[in-house]
N, C-alpha and C. Protein backbone atom coordinates (compact mmCIF):
# COMPACT_ATOMS: atom_id res chain seq x y z
N MET A 1 110.15 125.42 109.34
CA MET A 1 110.28 124.55 110.50
C MET A 1 109.69 123.17 110.22
N MET A 2 108.62 123.13 109.46
CA MET A 2 107.98 121.86 109.16
C MET A 2 108.88 120.97 108.30
N MET A 3 109.73 121.58 107.50
CA MET A 3 110.64 120.81 106.65
C MET A 3 111.63 120.03 107.50
N TYR A 4 112.04 120.58 108.64
CA TYR A 4 112.95 119.87 109.53
C TYR A 4 112.31 118.62 110.12
N TYR A 5 111.02 118.70 110.39
CA TYR A 5 110.32 117.53 110.92
C TYR A 5 110.25 116.41 109.89
N TRP A 6 110.14 116.78 108.62
CA TRP A 6 110.09 115.75 107.57
C TRP A 6 111.48 115.23 107.24
N MET A 7 112.51 116.02 107.48
CA MET A 7 113.86 115.57 107.18
C MET A 7 114.44 114.69 108.29
N LEU A 8 113.92 114.77 109.50
CA LEU A 8 114.44 113.98 110.61
C LEU A 8 114.33 112.47 110.36
N PRO A 9 113.17 111.93 109.98
CA PRO A 9 113.13 110.48 109.71
C PRO A 9 114.02 110.08 108.53
N TRP A 10 114.12 110.93 107.54
CA TRP A 10 114.98 110.63 106.40
C TRP A 10 116.45 110.57 106.84
N PHE A 11 116.86 111.51 107.67
CA PHE A 11 118.23 111.52 108.18
C PHE A 11 118.50 110.29 109.05
N LEU A 12 117.55 109.93 109.90
CA LEU A 12 117.70 108.73 110.73
C LEU A 12 117.79 107.48 109.88
N PHE A 13 116.98 107.42 108.83
CA PHE A 13 117.01 106.27 107.93
C PHE A 13 118.35 106.16 107.22
N MET A 14 118.88 107.27 106.76
CA MET A 14 120.17 107.24 106.06
C MET A 14 121.32 106.86 107.01
N CYS A 15 121.27 107.36 108.23
CA CYS A 15 122.30 106.98 109.20
C CYS A 15 122.24 105.49 109.50
N ALA A 16 121.04 104.96 109.66
CA ALA A 16 120.89 103.53 109.94
C ALA A 16 121.33 102.68 108.75
N MET A 17 121.04 103.15 107.54
CA MET A 17 121.48 102.40 106.36
C MET A 17 123.00 102.43 106.24
N LEU A 18 123.61 103.55 106.59
CA LEU A 18 125.06 103.64 106.56
C LEU A 18 125.70 102.66 107.53
N VAL A 19 125.13 102.54 108.71
CA VAL A 19 125.64 101.58 109.70
C VAL A 19 125.41 100.15 109.22
N PHE A 20 124.26 99.90 108.62
CA PHE A 20 123.94 98.54 108.16
C PHE A 20 124.82 98.11 107.00
N VAL A 21 125.11 99.03 106.09
CA VAL A 21 125.91 98.69 104.91
C VAL A 21 127.40 98.59 105.24
N SER A 22 127.84 99.31 106.26
CA SER A 22 129.25 99.24 106.62
C SER A 22 129.61 97.83 107.08
N ASN A 23 130.87 97.52 107.03
CA ASN A 23 131.34 96.18 107.34
C ASN A 23 131.26 95.95 108.85
N GLN A 24 130.29 95.19 109.27
CA GLN A 24 130.11 94.89 110.68
C GLN A 24 130.53 93.46 110.97
N LYS A 25 131.06 93.23 112.16
CA LYS A 25 131.50 91.90 112.54
C LYS A 25 130.44 91.16 113.34
N HIS A 26 129.62 91.87 114.07
CA HIS A 26 128.68 91.25 114.98
C HIS A 26 127.27 91.25 114.40
N LEU A 27 126.57 90.16 114.63
CA LEU A 27 125.17 90.08 114.20
C LEU A 27 124.29 90.99 115.04
N LEU A 28 124.63 91.19 116.30
CA LEU A 28 123.82 92.04 117.16
C LEU A 28 123.81 93.49 116.69
N SER A 29 124.94 94.00 116.24
CA SER A 29 124.98 95.37 115.72
C SER A 29 124.18 95.49 114.42
N MET A 30 124.16 94.44 113.62
CA MET A 30 123.35 94.46 112.40
C MET A 30 121.86 94.47 112.75
N LEU A 31 121.48 93.69 113.74
CA LEU A 31 120.08 93.67 114.16
C LEU A 31 119.65 95.00 114.76
N LEU A 32 120.55 95.64 115.51
CA LEU A 32 120.23 96.96 116.07
C LEU A 32 120.05 98.01 114.99
N SER A 33 120.88 97.95 113.95
CA SER A 33 120.72 98.91 112.87
C SER A 33 119.43 98.66 112.10
N LEU A 34 119.03 97.39 111.95
CA LEU A 34 117.75 97.10 111.31
C LEU A 34 116.58 97.63 112.14
N GLU A 35 116.67 97.50 113.45
CA GLU A 35 115.62 98.05 114.31
C GLU A 35 115.58 99.57 114.25
N PHE A 36 116.73 100.20 114.09
CA PHE A 36 116.78 101.65 113.95
C PHE A 36 116.14 102.08 112.63
N ILE A 37 116.32 101.30 111.58
CA ILE A 37 115.67 101.57 110.30
C ILE A 37 114.16 101.48 110.46
N VAL A 38 113.70 100.46 111.16
CA VAL A 38 112.26 100.29 111.39
C VAL A 38 111.70 101.44 112.22
N LEU A 39 112.46 101.88 113.20
CA LEU A 39 112.01 103.01 114.03
C LEU A 39 111.89 104.29 113.21
N SER A 40 112.84 104.54 112.33
CA SER A 40 112.75 105.75 111.50
C SER A 40 111.58 105.65 110.52
N LEU A 41 111.33 104.46 109.99
CA LEU A 41 110.16 104.29 109.11
C LEU A 41 108.86 104.47 109.88
N PHE A 42 108.84 104.03 111.14
CA PHE A 42 107.64 104.22 111.96
C PHE A 42 107.37 105.69 112.24
N ILE A 43 108.42 106.45 112.52
CA ILE A 43 108.25 107.89 112.73
C ILE A 43 107.73 108.56 111.47
N TYR A 44 108.29 108.18 110.33
CA TYR A 44 107.83 108.74 109.07
C TYR A 44 106.37 108.36 108.79
N LEU A 45 106.01 107.11 109.11
CA LEU A 45 104.63 106.66 108.92
C LEU A 45 103.66 107.43 109.80
N LEU A 46 104.03 107.66 111.05
CA LEU A 46 103.16 108.43 111.94
C LEU A 46 102.97 109.86 111.45
N MET A 47 104.05 110.47 110.97
CA MET A 47 103.94 111.83 110.46
C MET A 47 103.05 111.88 109.23
N TYR A 48 103.20 110.90 108.36
CA TYR A 48 102.38 110.88 107.14
C TYR A 48 100.91 110.62 107.46
N LEU A 49 100.64 109.70 108.38
CA LEU A 49 99.25 109.42 108.74
C LEU A 49 98.60 110.62 109.44
N ASN A 50 99.36 111.36 110.22
CA ASN A 50 98.82 112.58 110.83
C ASN A 50 98.58 113.66 109.79
N LEU A 51 99.38 113.68 108.75
CA LEU A 51 99.21 114.68 107.70
C LEU A 51 97.90 114.48 106.94
N ILE A 52 97.54 113.24 106.67
CA ILE A 52 96.32 112.98 105.89
C ILE A 52 95.12 112.70 106.78
N ASN A 53 95.28 112.91 108.11
CA ASN A 53 94.21 112.72 109.09
C ASN A 53 93.62 111.31 109.03
N TYR A 54 94.50 110.33 109.06
CA TYR A 54 94.10 108.94 109.00
C TYR A 54 94.17 108.34 110.39
N GLU A 55 93.41 107.26 110.59
CA GLU A 55 93.42 106.58 111.88
C GLU A 55 94.78 105.94 112.15
N GLY A 56 95.06 105.65 113.38
CA GLY A 56 96.34 105.09 113.77
C GLY A 56 96.37 103.58 113.82
N TYR A 57 95.34 102.90 113.27
CA TYR A 57 95.32 101.45 113.34
C TYR A 57 96.44 100.82 112.50
N PHE A 58 96.75 101.42 111.38
CA PHE A 58 97.81 100.86 110.54
C PHE A 58 99.16 100.94 111.24
N SER A 59 99.36 101.97 112.03
CA SER A 59 100.62 102.07 112.77
C SER A 59 100.73 100.96 113.82
N MET A 60 99.62 100.57 114.41
CA MET A 60 99.65 99.45 115.37
C MET A 60 99.96 98.13 114.67
N ILE A 61 99.42 97.94 113.48
CA ILE A 61 99.75 96.74 112.71
C ILE A 61 101.21 96.74 112.33
N PHE A 62 101.74 97.91 111.94
CA PHE A 62 103.15 98.03 111.60
C PHE A 62 104.03 97.71 112.82
N LEU A 63 103.66 98.21 113.98
CA LEU A 63 104.42 97.92 115.19
C LEU A 63 104.37 96.44 115.55
N THR A 64 103.24 95.80 115.32
CA THR A 64 103.13 94.36 115.59
C THR A 64 104.09 93.57 114.72
N PHE A 65 104.15 93.91 113.44
CA PHE A 65 105.09 93.21 112.55
C PHE A 65 106.54 93.53 112.90
N CYS A 66 106.80 94.74 113.37
CA CYS A 66 108.16 95.10 113.77
C CYS A 66 108.60 94.32 115.00
N VAL A 67 107.70 94.11 115.93
CA VAL A 67 108.03 93.32 117.11
C VAL A 67 108.29 91.87 116.72
N CYS A 68 107.48 91.34 115.80
CA CYS A 68 107.71 89.96 115.33
C CYS A 68 109.05 89.84 114.63
N GLU A 69 109.43 90.84 113.86
CA GLU A 69 110.73 90.83 113.18
C GLU A 69 111.87 90.89 114.19
N GLY A 70 111.72 91.67 115.23
CA GLY A 70 112.75 91.76 116.26
C GLY A 70 112.90 90.47 117.03
N VAL A 71 111.79 89.82 117.33
CA VAL A 71 111.84 88.55 118.05
C VAL A 71 112.50 87.47 117.19
N LEU A 72 112.19 87.44 115.91
CA LEU A 72 112.84 86.47 115.02
C LEU A 72 114.34 86.71 114.93
N GLY A 73 114.75 87.96 114.86
CA GLY A 73 116.17 88.28 114.81
C GLY A 73 116.89 87.86 116.07
N LEU A 74 116.27 88.11 117.23
CA LEU A 74 116.90 87.70 118.49
C LEU A 74 116.94 86.19 118.64
N SER A 75 115.93 85.49 118.14
CA SER A 75 115.97 84.03 118.22
C SER A 75 117.06 83.46 117.32
N VAL A 76 117.28 84.06 116.15
CA VAL A 76 118.39 83.63 115.29
C VAL A 76 119.72 83.91 115.97
N LEU A 77 119.82 85.05 116.64
CA LEU A 77 121.05 85.39 117.36
C LEU A 77 121.31 84.39 118.49
N ILE A 78 120.31 84.01 119.23
CA ILE A 78 120.48 83.06 120.32
C ILE A 78 120.88 81.69 119.78
N MET A 79 120.26 81.26 118.70
CA MET A 79 120.64 79.97 118.11
C MET A 79 122.07 80.01 117.58
N LEU A 80 122.48 81.14 117.03
CA LEU A 80 123.84 81.27 116.53
C LEU A 80 124.86 81.24 117.66
N VAL A 81 124.57 81.91 118.75
CA VAL A 81 125.48 81.92 119.89
C VAL A 81 125.57 80.54 120.52
N ARG A 82 124.46 79.83 120.59
CA ARG A 82 124.49 78.47 121.15
C ARG A 82 125.25 77.50 120.25
N ALA A 83 125.15 77.69 118.95
CA ALA A 83 125.80 76.77 118.02
C ALA A 83 127.29 77.07 117.84
N HIS A 84 127.66 78.36 117.78
CA HIS A 84 129.04 78.74 117.45
C HIS A 84 129.79 79.39 118.60
N GLY A 85 129.12 79.76 119.66
CA GLY A 85 129.81 80.34 120.80
C GLY A 85 129.89 81.86 120.80
N ASN A 86 129.71 82.51 119.66
CA ASN A 86 129.74 83.97 119.59
C ASN A 86 128.92 84.42 118.38
N ASP A 87 128.85 85.73 118.18
CA ASP A 87 128.06 86.24 117.06
C ASP A 87 128.93 86.90 116.00
N TYR A 88 130.20 86.49 115.93
CA TYR A 88 131.07 87.00 114.86
C TYR A 88 130.70 86.35 113.54
N PHE A 89 130.73 87.17 112.48
CA PHE A 89 130.45 86.61 111.16
C PHE A 89 131.63 85.79 110.63
N GLN A 90 132.86 86.09 111.09
CA GLN A 90 134.02 85.37 110.58
C GLN A 90 134.08 83.94 111.11
N SER A 91 133.49 83.66 112.25
CA SER A 91 133.57 82.32 112.83
C SER A 91 132.55 81.37 112.26
N ILE A 92 131.63 81.85 111.44
CA ILE A 92 130.60 80.99 110.87
C ILE A 92 131.10 80.42 109.55
N ASN A 93 131.16 79.11 109.47
CA ASN A 93 131.56 78.46 108.23
C ASN A 93 130.31 78.09 107.45
N ILE A 94 130.04 78.82 106.39
CA ILE A 94 128.81 78.60 105.62
C ILE A 94 128.92 77.36 104.75
N LEU A 95 130.11 77.05 104.28
CA LEU A 95 130.28 75.86 103.44
C LEU A 95 130.30 74.64 104.32
């Protein structure tokens, strides 16, 4: 039974990576898959820290950096929507 608990974050991580690597058109769906990757890593981190009987302070630092990453992604999304009108990758002219 304990093996299933360790396989759950790995399965979530692989599903999120599959969504992230697949051809997506919207920046918002890419940001959501990145947040799902971070969530699965956080679950795995909590399980590992509980296994070695370590304090939870590192998990709070990890969550702080995850929130900062999410805010930066949303600010890029807002700037992109204001500049181009939508979040499609095809409408952005990089050259």
